[in-house]
N, C-alpha and C. Protein backbone atom coordinates (compact mmCIF):
# COMPACT_ATOMS: atom_id res chain seq x y z
N UNK A 1 -6.38 1.23 -11.97
CA UNK A 1 -5.88 0.73 -10.67
C UNK A 1 -4.54 0.79 -10.62
N UNK A 2 -3.83 1.19 -9.31
CA UNK A 2 -2.56 1.58 -9.16
C UNK A 2 -1.59 0.24 -9.20
N UNK A 3 -0.26 0.22 -9.59
CA UNK A 3 0.55 -0.85 -9.77
C UNK A 3 0.57 -1.84 -8.55
N UNK A 4 0.73 -1.31 -7.35
CA UNK A 4 0.94 -2.21 -6.24
C UNK A 4 -0.29 -2.92 -5.99
N UNK A 5 -1.46 -2.32 -6.02
CA UNK A 5 -2.72 -2.90 -5.68
C UNK A 5 -3.16 -3.90 -6.73
N UNK A 6 -2.85 -3.52 -8.10
CA UNK A 6 -3.07 -4.37 -9.18
C UNK A 6 -2.35 -5.66 -9.19
N UNK A 7 -1.07 -5.56 -8.76
CA UNK A 7 -0.34 -6.85 -8.67
C UNK A 7 -0.72 -7.63 -7.61
N UNK A 8 -0.93 -7.23 -6.35
CA UNK A 8 -1.34 -8.01 -5.26
C UNK A 8 -2.71 -8.65 -5.72
N UNK A 9 -3.61 -7.90 -6.27
CA UNK A 9 -4.85 -8.52 -6.66
C UNK A 9 -4.71 -9.66 -7.71
N UNK A 10 -3.84 -9.44 -8.57
CA UNK A 10 -3.61 -10.50 -9.70
C UNK A 10 -2.90 -11.73 -9.05
N UNK A 11 -2.05 -11.61 -8.09
CA UNK A 11 -1.47 -12.76 -7.39
C UNK A 11 -2.50 -13.44 -6.55
N UNK A 12 -3.36 -12.92 -5.93
CA UNK A 12 -4.37 -13.43 -5.18
C UNK A 12 -5.42 -14.17 -6.04
N UNK A 13 -5.67 -13.55 -7.10
CA UNK A 13 -6.64 -14.21 -8.18
C UNK A 13 -5.84 -15.53 -8.78
N UNK A 14 -4.64 -15.37 -9.02
CA UNK A 14 -3.89 -16.48 -9.64
C UNK A 14 -3.83 -17.63 -8.62
N UNK A 15 -3.46 -17.28 -7.30
CA UNK A 15 -3.34 -18.29 -6.29
C UNK A 15 -4.62 -19.01 -6.17
N UNK A 16 -5.84 -18.24 -6.08
CA UNK A 16 -7.15 -18.93 -6.09
C UNK A 16 -7.39 -19.80 -7.29
N UNK A 17 -7.15 -19.37 -8.39
CA UNK A 17 -7.18 -20.25 -9.65
C UNK A 17 -6.37 -21.49 -9.52
N UNK A 18 -5.13 -21.49 -9.13
CA UNK A 18 -4.36 -22.57 -9.01
C UNK A 18 -4.88 -23.55 -8.01
N UNK A 19 -5.27 -23.07 -7.04
CA UNK A 19 -5.93 -23.74 -5.83
C UNK A 19 -7.11 -24.57 -6.34
N UNK A 20 -7.95 -23.94 -7.11
CA UNK A 20 -9.09 -24.63 -7.74
C UNK A 20 -8.68 -25.64 -8.81
N UNK A 21 -7.61 -25.41 -9.48
CA UNK A 21 -7.24 -26.46 -10.43
C UNK A 21 -6.62 -27.58 -9.63
N UNK A 22 -6.08 -27.41 -8.42
CA UNK A 22 -5.44 -28.52 -7.73
C UNK A 22 -6.63 -29.24 -7.13
N UNK A 23 -7.70 -28.57 -6.64
CA UNK A 23 -8.71 -29.22 -6.16
C UNK A 23 -9.61 -30.23 -7.14
N UNK A 24 -9.41 -29.77 -8.43
CA UNK A 24 -10.13 -30.47 -9.49
C UNK A 24 -9.30 -31.58 -10.15
N UNK A 25 -8.01 -31.70 -9.62
CA UNK A 25 -7.05 -32.55 -10.10
C UNK A 25 -6.59 -32.32 -11.46
N UNK A 26 -6.71 -31.16 -11.98
CA UNK A 26 -6.26 -30.79 -13.25
C UNK A 26 -4.70 -30.46 -13.33
N UNK A 27 -4.30 -29.94 -12.17
CA UNK A 27 -2.83 -29.49 -12.11
C UNK A 27 -2.46 -29.39 -10.63
N UNK A 28 -1.23 -29.59 -10.32
CA UNK A 28 -0.71 -29.55 -8.95
C UNK A 28 -0.41 -28.15 -8.64
N UNK A 29 -1.53 -27.37 -8.40
CA UNK A 29 -1.45 -25.88 -8.21
C UNK A 29 -0.65 -25.63 -6.88
N UNK A 30 -0.90 -26.26 -5.72
CA UNK A 30 -0.25 -25.85 -4.52
C UNK A 30 1.39 -26.19 -4.70
N UNK A 31 1.66 -27.20 -5.46
CA UNK A 31 3.15 -27.32 -5.71
C UNK A 31 3.75 -26.09 -6.47
N UNK A 32 3.05 -25.74 -7.45
CA UNK A 32 3.53 -24.53 -8.19
C UNK A 32 3.69 -23.41 -7.50
N UNK A 33 2.51 -23.07 -6.57
CA UNK A 33 2.65 -21.94 -5.74
C UNK A 33 3.76 -22.13 -4.71
N UNK A 34 4.08 -23.19 -4.14
CA UNK A 34 5.24 -23.50 -3.32
C UNK A 34 6.60 -23.10 -3.87
N UNK A 35 6.76 -23.46 -5.28
CA UNK A 35 8.01 -23.28 -5.87
C UNK A 35 8.17 -21.76 -6.43
N UNK A 36 7.00 -21.02 -6.71
CA UNK A 36 7.08 -19.74 -7.47
C UNK A 36 6.66 -18.56 -6.59
N UNK A 37 6.13 -18.84 -5.38
CA UNK A 37 5.63 -17.70 -4.68
C UNK A 37 6.54 -16.45 -4.45
N UNK A 38 7.85 -16.61 -4.47
CA UNK A 38 8.65 -15.45 -4.31
C UNK A 38 8.58 -14.51 -5.46
N UNK A 39 7.99 -14.90 -6.63
CA UNK A 39 7.81 -14.08 -7.82
C UNK A 39 6.82 -12.83 -7.23
N UNK A 40 5.89 -13.28 -6.59
CA UNK A 40 4.88 -12.35 -6.06
C UNK A 40 5.70 -11.16 -5.13
N UNK A 41 6.51 -11.56 -4.34
CA UNK A 41 7.39 -10.67 -3.54
C UNK A 41 8.10 -9.68 -4.62
N UNK A 42 8.75 -10.23 -5.57
CA UNK A 42 9.56 -9.45 -6.58
C UNK A 42 8.71 -8.38 -7.18
N UNK A 43 7.47 -8.98 -7.60
CA UNK A 43 6.54 -8.02 -8.27
C UNK A 43 6.05 -6.97 -7.49
N UNK A 44 5.89 -7.06 -6.11
CA UNK A 44 5.41 -5.98 -5.31
C UNK A 44 6.54 -4.87 -5.33
N UNK A 45 7.92 -5.29 -5.22
CA UNK A 45 8.85 -4.38 -5.18
C UNK A 45 8.92 -3.52 -6.55
N UNK A 46 8.84 -4.24 -7.66
CA UNK A 46 8.97 -3.66 -8.94
C UNK A 46 7.71 -2.67 -9.18
N UNK A 47 6.56 -3.22 -8.68
CA UNK A 47 5.35 -2.26 -8.89
C UNK A 47 5.41 -1.06 -8.02
N UNK A 48 5.91 -1.13 -6.92
CA UNK A 48 6.19 0.06 -6.02
C UNK A 48 7.22 0.98 -6.79
N UNK A 49 8.26 0.49 -7.32
CA UNK A 49 9.22 1.48 -8.04
C UNK A 49 8.46 2.13 -9.26
N UNK A 50 7.57 1.32 -9.87
CA UNK A 50 6.79 1.80 -11.07
C UNK A 50 5.88 2.86 -10.55
N UNK A 51 5.15 2.84 -9.47
CA UNK A 51 4.39 3.73 -9.01
C UNK A 51 5.00 4.92 -8.46
N UNK A 52 6.20 4.73 -7.85
CA UNK A 52 6.89 6.02 -7.38
C UNK A 52 7.64 6.57 -8.40
N UNK A 53 7.89 5.85 -9.60
CA UNK A 53 8.68 6.39 -10.64
C UNK A 53 10.06 6.75 -10.39
N UNK A 54 10.71 6.19 -9.39
CA UNK A 54 12.07 6.15 -9.01
C UNK A 54 12.36 5.20 -8.18
N UNK A 55 13.82 4.84 -8.07
CA UNK A 55 14.20 3.69 -7.19
C UNK A 55 14.54 4.23 -5.86
N UNK A 56 14.00 3.47 -4.85
CA UNK A 56 14.19 3.81 -3.52
C UNK A 56 14.62 2.49 -2.68
N UNK A 57 15.25 2.69 -1.55
CA UNK A 57 15.76 1.50 -0.86
C UNK A 57 14.82 0.41 -0.45
N UNK A 58 13.54 0.87 -0.02
CA UNK A 58 12.47 -0.17 0.35
C UNK A 58 12.14 -1.27 -0.69
N UNK A 59 11.71 -0.59 -1.84
CA UNK A 59 11.35 -1.64 -2.89
C UNK A 59 12.38 -2.40 -3.39
N UNK A 60 13.64 -1.76 -3.49
CA UNK A 60 14.79 -2.47 -3.99
C UNK A 60 15.19 -3.74 -3.10
N UNK A 61 15.06 -3.48 -1.75
CA UNK A 61 15.26 -4.56 -0.83
C UNK A 61 14.24 -5.58 -0.96
N UNK A 62 13.06 -5.30 -1.23
CA UNK A 62 11.99 -6.36 -1.44
C UNK A 62 12.27 -7.21 -2.66
N UNK A 63 12.78 -6.43 -3.75
CA UNK A 63 13.12 -7.27 -4.93
C UNK A 63 14.30 -8.10 -4.75
N UNK A 64 15.35 -7.66 -3.97
CA UNK A 64 16.46 -8.55 -3.78
C UNK A 64 16.02 -9.66 -2.80
N UNK A 65 15.30 -9.38 -1.86
CA UNK A 65 14.83 -10.41 -0.96
C UNK A 65 14.02 -11.54 -1.79
N UNK A 66 13.21 -11.02 -2.63
CA UNK A 66 12.40 -11.89 -3.48
C UNK A 66 13.23 -12.73 -4.34
N UNK A 67 14.17 -12.18 -4.98
CA UNK A 67 15.13 -13.07 -5.90
C UNK A 67 15.95 -13.99 -5.00
N UNK A 68 16.36 -13.61 -3.84
CA UNK A 68 17.08 -14.77 -3.00
C UNK A 68 16.19 -15.75 -2.63
N UNK A 69 14.77 -15.38 -2.25
CA UNK A 69 13.93 -16.45 -1.93
C UNK A 69 13.59 -17.37 -3.12
N UNK A 70 13.58 -16.73 -4.21
CA UNK A 70 13.26 -17.59 -5.43
C UNK A 70 14.36 -18.54 -5.79
N UNK A 71 15.69 -18.03 -5.50
CA UNK A 71 16.84 -18.83 -5.69
C UNK A 71 16.79 -19.92 -4.80
N UNK A 72 16.36 -19.80 -3.62
CA UNK A 72 16.39 -20.90 -2.60
C UNK A 72 15.32 -21.86 -2.95
N UNK A 73 14.06 -21.44 -3.46
CA UNK A 73 13.08 -22.23 -3.84
C UNK A 73 13.38 -23.21 -5.07
N UNK A 74 14.02 -22.60 -5.82
CA UNK A 74 14.52 -23.31 -7.13
C UNK A 74 15.86 -23.97 -7.06
N UNK A 75 16.47 -23.88 -5.85
CA UNK A 75 17.81 -24.58 -5.56
C UNK A 75 18.85 -24.11 -6.56
N UNK A 76 18.73 -22.78 -6.72
CA UNK A 76 19.89 -22.04 -7.60
C UNK A 76 21.24 -21.76 -6.79
N UNK A 77 21.10 -21.97 -5.51
CA UNK A 77 22.17 -21.55 -4.70
C UNK A 77 22.13 -22.26 -3.46
N UNK A 78 23.07 -21.94 -2.45
CA UNK A 78 23.07 -22.64 -1.11
C UNK A 78 21.75 -22.16 -0.35
N UNK A 79 20.88 -23.20 -0.23
CA UNK A 79 19.57 -22.94 0.35
C UNK A 79 19.68 -22.35 1.74
N UNK A 80 20.68 -22.87 2.50
CA UNK A 80 20.76 -22.42 3.86
C UNK A 80 21.23 -21.02 4.01
N UNK A 81 21.94 -20.47 3.00
CA UNK A 81 22.40 -19.09 3.13
C UNK A 81 21.39 -18.09 2.55
N UNK A 82 20.45 -18.59 1.82
CA UNK A 82 19.46 -17.48 1.16
C UNK A 82 18.48 -16.86 2.17
N UNK A 83 17.94 -17.65 3.06
CA UNK A 83 17.01 -17.08 4.04
C UNK A 83 17.63 -16.01 4.94
N UNK A 84 18.81 -16.25 5.54
CA UNK A 84 19.48 -15.27 6.41
C UNK A 84 19.73 -14.04 5.56
N UNK A 85 20.21 -14.11 4.37
CA UNK A 85 20.62 -12.93 3.68
C UNK A 85 19.30 -12.14 3.30
N UNK A 86 18.15 -12.80 3.11
CA UNK A 86 16.88 -12.12 2.76
C UNK A 86 16.44 -11.42 4.05
N UNK A 87 16.53 -12.04 5.11
CA UNK A 87 16.18 -11.28 6.37
C UNK A 87 16.99 -10.07 6.65
N UNK A 88 18.26 -10.08 6.28
CA UNK A 88 19.14 -9.03 6.38
C UNK A 88 18.80 -7.86 5.53
N UNK A 89 18.44 -8.17 4.33
CA UNK A 89 18.07 -7.17 3.42
C UNK A 89 16.72 -6.52 3.87
N UNK A 90 15.75 -7.27 4.23
CA UNK A 90 14.50 -6.65 4.74
C UNK A 90 14.78 -5.79 5.87
N UNK A 91 15.56 -6.45 6.87
CA UNK A 91 15.87 -5.61 7.99
C UNK A 91 16.44 -4.26 7.62
N UNK A 92 17.43 -4.19 6.81
CA UNK A 92 17.86 -2.93 6.40
C UNK A 92 16.92 -1.90 5.88
N UNK A 93 15.88 -2.61 5.11
CA UNK A 93 14.76 -1.67 4.67
C UNK A 93 14.09 -1.01 5.73
N UNK A 94 13.71 -1.98 6.93
CA UNK A 94 12.96 -1.46 7.96
C UNK A 94 13.86 -0.37 8.73
N UNK A 95 15.11 -0.63 8.92
CA UNK A 95 15.83 0.47 9.71
C UNK A 95 16.04 1.70 8.84
N UNK A 96 15.90 1.71 7.50
CA UNK A 96 16.10 2.87 6.73
C UNK A 96 15.14 3.94 7.21
N UNK A 97 13.98 3.64 7.81
CA UNK A 97 13.21 4.58 8.48
C UNK A 97 12.00 5.18 7.61
N UNK A 98 11.52 6.28 8.04
CA UNK A 98 10.25 6.87 7.45
C UNK A 98 10.72 7.86 6.38
N UNK A 99 10.04 7.83 5.18
CA UNK A 99 10.49 8.87 4.11
C UNK A 99 9.38 9.78 4.04
N UNK A 100 9.81 11.08 4.02
CA UNK A 100 8.88 12.27 3.98
C UNK A 100 8.99 13.04 2.66
N UNK A 101 7.92 13.36 2.05
CA UNK A 101 7.94 14.10 0.74
C UNK A 101 6.89 15.19 0.78
N UNK A 102 7.31 16.36 0.34
CA UNK A 102 6.33 17.37 0.10
C UNK A 102 5.86 17.45 -1.35
N UNK A 103 4.62 17.71 -1.67
CA UNK A 103 4.11 17.67 -3.01
C UNK A 103 3.12 18.88 -3.08
N UNK A 104 3.05 19.56 -4.35
CA UNK A 104 2.15 20.72 -4.51
C UNK A 104 1.30 20.36 -5.90
N UNK A 105 1.35 19.23 -6.29
CA UNK A 105 0.66 18.99 -7.56
C UNK A 105 -0.88 18.65 -7.24
N UNK A 106 -1.69 18.34 -8.29
CA UNK A 106 -3.03 18.01 -8.04
C UNK A 106 -3.21 16.55 -7.67
N UNK A 107 -2.31 15.79 -7.83
CA UNK A 107 -2.27 14.28 -7.50
C UNK A 107 -1.03 13.92 -6.70
N UNK A 108 -1.28 13.16 -5.79
CA UNK A 108 -0.18 12.60 -4.88
C UNK A 108 -0.14 11.15 -4.62
N UNK A 109 0.94 10.50 -4.26
CA UNK A 109 0.98 9.11 -4.07
C UNK A 109 1.84 8.86 -2.84
N UNK A 110 1.64 7.99 -1.99
CA UNK A 110 2.31 7.47 -0.94
C UNK A 110 2.44 5.89 -0.77
N UNK A 111 3.62 5.34 -0.86
CA UNK A 111 3.78 3.90 -0.81
C UNK A 111 4.74 3.57 0.40
N UNK A 112 4.43 2.64 1.10
CA UNK A 112 5.17 2.10 2.19
C UNK A 112 5.20 0.61 2.22
N UNK A 113 6.50 0.12 2.05
CA UNK A 113 6.74 -1.42 2.00
C UNK A 113 7.88 -1.64 3.00
N UNK A 114 7.38 -2.40 3.99
CA UNK A 114 8.44 -2.72 5.05
C UNK A 114 9.09 -1.56 5.64
N UNK A 115 8.24 -0.47 5.85
CA UNK A 115 8.74 0.81 6.42
C UNK A 115 7.71 1.75 6.42
N UNK A 116 8.12 3.06 6.55
CA UNK A 116 7.09 4.18 6.61
C UNK A 116 7.34 5.18 5.50
N UNK A 117 6.24 5.86 5.13
CA UNK A 117 6.26 6.93 4.19
C UNK A 117 5.23 7.94 4.48
N UNK A 118 5.69 9.33 4.46
CA UNK A 118 4.78 10.46 4.58
C UNK A 118 4.82 11.43 3.49
N UNK A 119 3.67 11.63 2.99
CA UNK A 119 3.52 12.61 1.84
C UNK A 119 2.63 13.80 2.40
N UNK A 120 3.24 14.91 2.37
CA UNK A 120 2.48 16.09 2.71
C UNK A 120 2.15 17.01 1.38
N UNK A 121 0.77 17.10 1.18
CA UNK A 121 0.44 17.83 0.01
C UNK A 121 -0.14 19.34 0.20
N UNK A 122 0.36 20.15 -0.48
CA UNK A 122 0.05 21.56 -0.29
C UNK A 122 -0.48 22.20 -1.47
N UNK A 123 -1.25 21.32 -2.30
CA UNK A 123 -1.67 21.87 -3.52
C UNK A 123 -2.90 22.83 -3.29
N UNK A 124 -3.02 23.77 -4.10
CA UNK A 124 -4.20 24.77 -4.10
C UNK A 124 -5.35 24.18 -4.89
N UNK A 125 -5.12 23.05 -5.60
CA UNK A 125 -6.21 22.46 -6.41
C UNK A 125 -6.10 20.89 -6.27
N UNK A 126 -6.10 20.41 -4.97
CA UNK A 126 -5.89 18.96 -4.86
C UNK A 126 -7.16 18.22 -5.51
N UNK A 127 -6.75 17.07 -6.27
CA UNK A 127 -7.97 16.30 -6.87
C UNK A 127 -7.97 14.83 -6.43
N UNK A 128 -6.69 14.19 -6.44
CA UNK A 128 -6.66 12.83 -6.15
C UNK A 128 -5.41 12.26 -5.48
N UNK A 129 -5.38 11.25 -4.71
CA UNK A 129 -4.23 10.65 -4.30
C UNK A 129 -4.44 9.17 -4.08
N UNK A 130 -3.35 8.48 -4.25
CA UNK A 130 -3.30 7.04 -4.02
C UNK A 130 -2.36 6.69 -2.95
N UNK A 131 -2.62 5.94 -1.83
CA UNK A 131 -1.81 5.65 -0.78
C UNK A 131 -1.85 4.14 -0.57
N UNK A 132 -0.71 3.45 -0.44
CA UNK A 132 -0.60 2.00 -0.33
C UNK A 132 0.41 1.82 0.86
N UNK A 133 0.14 0.71 1.74
CA UNK A 133 0.87 0.32 2.74
C UNK A 133 0.87 -1.13 2.79
N UNK A 134 2.08 -1.71 2.61
CA UNK A 134 2.18 -3.24 2.69
C UNK A 134 3.31 -3.55 3.71
N UNK A 135 2.92 -4.22 4.78
CA UNK A 135 3.76 -4.43 5.95
C UNK A 135 4.54 -3.02 6.33
N UNK A 136 3.90 -1.97 6.32
CA UNK A 136 4.36 -0.66 6.62
C UNK A 136 3.34 0.29 7.00
N UNK A 137 3.73 1.64 7.25
CA UNK A 137 2.76 2.65 7.47
C UNK A 137 2.87 3.77 6.63
N UNK A 138 1.74 4.13 5.97
CA UNK A 138 1.79 5.39 4.95
C UNK A 138 0.87 6.48 5.67
N UNK A 139 1.40 7.61 5.44
CA UNK A 139 0.55 8.89 5.84
C UNK A 139 0.44 9.82 4.77
N UNK A 140 -0.71 10.28 4.48
CA UNK A 140 -1.01 11.29 3.35
C UNK A 140 -1.47 12.45 4.21
N UNK A 141 -0.83 13.64 4.27
CA UNK A 141 -1.10 14.77 5.02
C UNK A 141 -1.64 15.86 4.16
N UNK A 142 -3.07 15.99 4.17
CA UNK A 142 -3.67 16.92 3.33
C UNK A 142 -4.16 18.22 4.08
N UNK A 143 -3.58 18.43 5.17
CA UNK A 143 -4.14 19.50 6.19
C UNK A 143 -3.80 21.03 5.59
N UNK A 144 -2.74 21.05 4.67
CA UNK A 144 -2.39 22.38 3.89
C UNK A 144 -2.89 22.30 2.50
N UNK A 145 -3.71 21.30 2.01
CA UNK A 145 -4.22 21.33 0.73
C UNK A 145 -5.57 22.00 0.66
N UNK A 146 -6.02 22.45 -0.57
CA UNK A 146 -7.18 22.95 -0.81
C UNK A 146 -7.91 22.34 -1.88
N UNK A 147 -9.28 22.16 -1.80
CA UNK A 147 -10.11 21.47 -2.74
C UNK A 147 -11.03 22.73 -3.39
N UNK A 148 -11.17 22.38 -4.71
CA UNK A 148 -11.93 23.40 -5.43
C UNK A 148 -13.36 23.04 -5.22
N UNK A 149 -13.69 21.71 -5.29
CA UNK A 149 -15.02 21.14 -5.10
C UNK A 149 -15.08 19.89 -4.29
N UNK A 150 -14.61 18.91 -4.96
CA UNK A 150 -14.43 17.57 -4.40
C UNK A 150 -13.19 16.96 -4.82
N UNK A 151 -12.72 15.83 -4.00
CA UNK A 151 -11.55 15.15 -4.40
C UNK A 151 -11.68 13.75 -3.86
N UNK A 152 -10.72 12.91 -4.12
CA UNK A 152 -10.80 11.46 -3.80
C UNK A 152 -9.47 10.84 -3.43
N UNK A 153 -9.39 9.94 -2.61
CA UNK A 153 -8.24 9.36 -2.12
C UNK A 153 -8.55 7.75 -2.13
N UNK A 154 -7.64 6.89 -2.67
CA UNK A 154 -7.76 5.44 -2.82
C UNK A 154 -6.56 5.06 -1.89
N UNK A 155 -7.15 4.29 -0.79
CA UNK A 155 -6.16 3.93 0.38
C UNK A 155 -6.24 2.31 0.37
N UNK A 156 -5.04 1.75 0.27
CA UNK A 156 -4.90 0.26 0.39
C UNK A 156 -3.96 -0.01 1.42
N UNK A 157 -4.33 -0.89 2.38
CA UNK A 157 -3.55 -1.39 3.53
C UNK A 157 -3.62 -2.82 3.65
N UNK A 158 -2.37 -3.50 3.44
CA UNK A 158 -2.35 -4.84 3.49
C UNK A 158 -1.16 -5.28 4.65
N UNK A 159 -1.64 -5.72 5.64
CA UNK A 159 -0.56 -6.04 6.87
C UNK A 159 0.11 -4.74 7.18
N UNK A 160 -0.66 -3.62 7.20
CA UNK A 160 -0.10 -2.30 7.53
C UNK A 160 -1.15 -1.34 7.70
N UNK A 161 -0.87 -0.02 7.81
CA UNK A 161 -1.72 0.97 8.01
C UNK A 161 -1.63 2.24 7.23
N UNK A 162 -2.74 2.84 6.88
CA UNK A 162 -2.76 4.05 6.08
C UNK A 162 -3.59 5.19 6.86
N UNK A 163 -2.89 6.40 7.05
CA UNK A 163 -3.48 7.52 7.73
C UNK A 163 -3.76 8.67 6.77
N UNK A 164 -4.99 9.13 6.78
CA UNK A 164 -5.12 10.24 5.84
C UNK A 164 -5.66 11.49 6.73
N UNK A 165 -4.77 12.44 6.80
CA UNK A 165 -4.90 13.68 7.75
C UNK A 165 -5.57 14.72 6.91
N UNK A 166 -6.73 15.33 7.58
CA UNK A 166 -7.42 16.36 6.78
C UNK A 166 -7.69 17.51 7.67
N UNK A 167 -7.98 18.77 7.13
CA UNK A 167 -8.11 19.85 7.99
C UNK A 167 -9.63 19.95 8.39
N UNK A 168 -9.83 20.84 9.41
CA UNK A 168 -11.35 20.92 9.79
C UNK A 168 -12.05 21.59 8.71
N UNK A 169 -13.34 21.36 8.39
CA UNK A 169 -14.06 21.99 7.46
C UNK A 169 -14.32 21.03 6.31
N UNK A 170 -13.74 19.85 6.17
CA UNK A 170 -14.03 19.10 4.87
C UNK A 170 -15.10 18.06 5.36
N UNK A 171 -16.06 17.58 4.38
CA UNK A 171 -16.88 16.64 4.58
C UNK A 171 -16.28 15.30 4.05
N UNK A 172 -16.26 14.37 4.96
CA UNK A 172 -15.68 13.00 4.54
C UNK A 172 -16.56 12.00 4.24
N UNK A 173 -16.43 11.28 3.15
CA UNK A 173 -17.13 10.17 2.82
C UNK A 173 -16.25 8.99 2.72
N UNK A 174 -16.45 8.07 3.56
CA UNK A 174 -15.41 6.86 3.73
C UNK A 174 -16.13 5.59 3.40
N UNK A 175 -15.71 4.98 2.34
CA UNK A 175 -16.31 3.59 1.97
C UNK A 175 -15.08 2.67 1.67
N UNK A 176 -15.49 1.41 1.61
CA UNK A 176 -14.47 0.50 1.17
C UNK A 176 -14.72 -0.91 1.38
N UNK A 177 -13.63 -1.76 1.26
CA UNK A 177 -13.76 -3.28 1.49
C UNK A 177 -12.77 -3.66 2.52
N UNK A 178 -13.37 -3.96 3.69
CA UNK A 178 -12.57 -4.53 4.82
C UNK A 178 -12.45 -6.20 4.67
N UNK A 179 -11.21 -6.58 4.51
CA UNK A 179 -11.00 -8.13 4.47
C UNK A 179 -10.08 -8.51 5.78
N UNK A 180 -10.62 -8.95 6.84
CA UNK A 180 -9.82 -9.00 8.08
C UNK A 180 -9.11 -7.69 8.38
N UNK A 181 -9.69 -6.60 8.19
CA UNK A 181 -9.24 -5.44 8.57
C UNK A 181 -10.35 -4.50 8.66
N UNK A 182 -10.06 -3.08 8.73
CA UNK A 182 -11.11 -2.16 9.00
C UNK A 182 -10.63 -0.74 8.59
N UNK A 183 -11.71 0.16 8.54
CA UNK A 183 -11.30 1.65 8.27
C UNK A 183 -12.30 2.42 9.15
N UNK A 184 -11.87 3.69 9.59
CA UNK A 184 -12.54 4.46 10.61
C UNK A 184 -12.36 5.86 10.23
N UNK A 185 -13.48 6.73 10.29
CA UNK A 185 -13.50 8.10 10.23
C UNK A 185 -13.34 8.60 11.69
N UNK A 186 -12.10 9.30 11.90
CA UNK A 186 -11.97 9.86 13.24
C UNK A 186 -12.16 11.42 13.23
N UNK A 187 -12.73 12.00 12.25
CA UNK A 187 -12.82 13.34 12.17
C UNK A 187 -14.02 13.77 13.06
N UNK A 188 -14.27 15.04 13.26
CA UNK A 188 -15.33 15.61 14.06
C UNK A 188 -16.66 15.38 13.55
N UNK A 189 -16.81 14.98 12.14
CA UNK A 189 -18.20 14.80 11.69
C UNK A 189 -18.54 15.96 10.70
N UNK A 190 -19.70 15.80 10.14
CA UNK A 190 -20.14 16.72 9.19
C UNK A 190 -21.41 17.43 9.54
N UNK A 191 -21.90 17.24 10.79
CA UNK A 191 -23.08 17.90 11.20
C UNK A 191 -23.13 19.39 11.23
N UNK A 192 -21.97 20.11 11.55
CA UNK A 192 -22.01 21.46 11.62
C UNK A 192 -21.39 22.09 10.30
N UNK A 193 -21.21 21.36 9.35
CA UNK A 193 -20.45 22.00 8.27
C UNK A 193 -21.65 22.59 7.23
N UNK A 194 -21.25 23.63 6.48
CA UNK A 194 -22.10 24.27 5.56
C UNK A 194 -22.28 23.38 4.43
N UNK A 195 -23.47 23.63 3.77
CA UNK A 195 -23.86 22.68 2.73
C UNK A 195 -22.80 22.55 1.51
N UNK A 196 -22.02 23.82 1.32
CA UNK A 196 -20.98 23.87 0.30
C UNK A 196 -19.69 23.45 0.71
N UNK A 197 -19.49 22.72 1.76
CA UNK A 197 -18.25 22.32 2.30
C UNK A 197 -17.62 21.29 1.34
N UNK A 198 -16.28 21.54 1.04
CA UNK A 198 -15.70 20.56 0.20
C UNK A 198 -15.78 19.10 0.57
N UNK A 199 -15.82 18.29 -0.33
CA UNK A 199 -16.10 16.85 0.03
C UNK A 199 -14.90 16.02 -0.49
N UNK A 200 -14.25 15.13 0.42
CA UNK A 200 -13.29 14.20 0.13
C UNK A 200 -13.80 12.84 0.36
N UNK A 201 -13.71 12.06 -0.75
CA UNK A 201 -14.17 10.65 -0.74
C UNK A 201 -12.93 9.75 -0.57
N UNK A 202 -13.03 8.94 0.39
CA UNK A 202 -11.80 7.95 0.51
C UNK A 202 -12.44 6.58 0.43
N UNK A 203 -11.70 5.97 -0.65
CA UNK A 203 -12.13 4.65 -0.84
C UNK A 203 -10.99 3.73 -0.30
N UNK A 204 -11.47 2.90 0.73
CA UNK A 204 -10.50 2.15 1.51
C UNK A 204 -10.61 0.70 1.17
N UNK A 205 -9.39 0.00 0.94
CA UNK A 205 -9.36 -1.43 1.03
C UNK A 205 -8.27 -1.96 2.15
N UNK A 206 -8.81 -2.62 3.04
CA UNK A 206 -7.82 -3.00 4.22
C UNK A 206 -7.87 -4.48 4.38
N UNK A 207 -6.80 -5.15 4.02
CA UNK A 207 -6.60 -6.51 4.18
C UNK A 207 -5.66 -6.86 5.33
N UNK A 208 -6.13 -7.35 6.42
CA UNK A 208 -5.30 -7.44 7.65
C UNK A 208 -4.54 -6.25 8.02
N UNK A 209 -5.28 -5.11 7.77
CA UNK A 209 -4.74 -3.77 8.05
C UNK A 209 -5.81 -2.75 8.33
N UNK A 210 -5.45 -1.38 8.40
CA UNK A 210 -6.33 -0.47 8.75
C UNK A 210 -6.14 0.80 8.06
N UNK A 211 -7.27 1.55 7.74
CA UNK A 211 -7.25 2.80 7.11
C UNK A 211 -7.96 3.81 7.99
N UNK A 212 -7.45 5.04 8.34
CA UNK A 212 -8.13 5.85 9.18
C UNK A 212 -8.10 7.28 8.54
N UNK A 213 -9.00 8.10 8.85
CA UNK A 213 -9.13 9.64 8.29
C UNK A 213 -9.28 10.32 9.59
N UNK A 214 -8.31 11.41 9.82
CA UNK A 214 -8.36 12.07 11.10
C UNK A 214 -7.86 13.38 10.91
N UNK A 215 -7.86 14.27 11.94
CA UNK A 215 -7.41 15.65 11.81
C UNK A 215 -6.02 15.80 12.28
N UNK A 216 -5.59 14.85 13.13
CA UNK A 216 -4.20 14.70 13.84
C UNK A 216 -3.77 13.29 13.91
N UNK A 217 -2.41 13.35 13.98
CA UNK A 217 -1.89 11.93 14.00
C UNK A 217 -2.26 11.24 15.34
N UNK A 218 -2.49 9.99 15.26
CA UNK A 218 -2.83 9.29 16.37
C UNK A 218 -1.70 8.85 17.29
């Protein structure tokens, strides 16, 4: 499992467990969440940098915002000053705009956090890609990639959207888990495709967001 998705899943699991402990009277779970929830924000930024394997403005802004929010919750500084600074940092991340990357390897990844990201893959032997969007939009463009036989894409959208662009002639298998979100295959379908058409399997997880597979940008 990829870092961003793993971290968010662990935080949701931890939140649920703390809520159960609170309901059972074992611990004041909601109070702990109220004090420490900014740690989840910091972790999202760190996980994004780990997945990208480099430091970029968006994840750094998320980490800084999380640290400022944590300082406010823990009363480490002037609380009235923390939230405005955090909003300024996140705003700068949004204004930084869409990032575009070309890749030619067998695996690709695209991550968008409070912004946009586009990855265009031109691989002759594409095999797998991981795409995540958290409060942003991510596009994986595979229209100039080639499949030997089959390939897969793991798409995760949380309060954001993921678009997977594919060429004509690919057979698409789209499955996933919609949680107050959805996914959609907007391609022309597989009725007229030959039996040996390459198969792309898209595994979508949409939480208050959407994942789509299409031939063109919407």
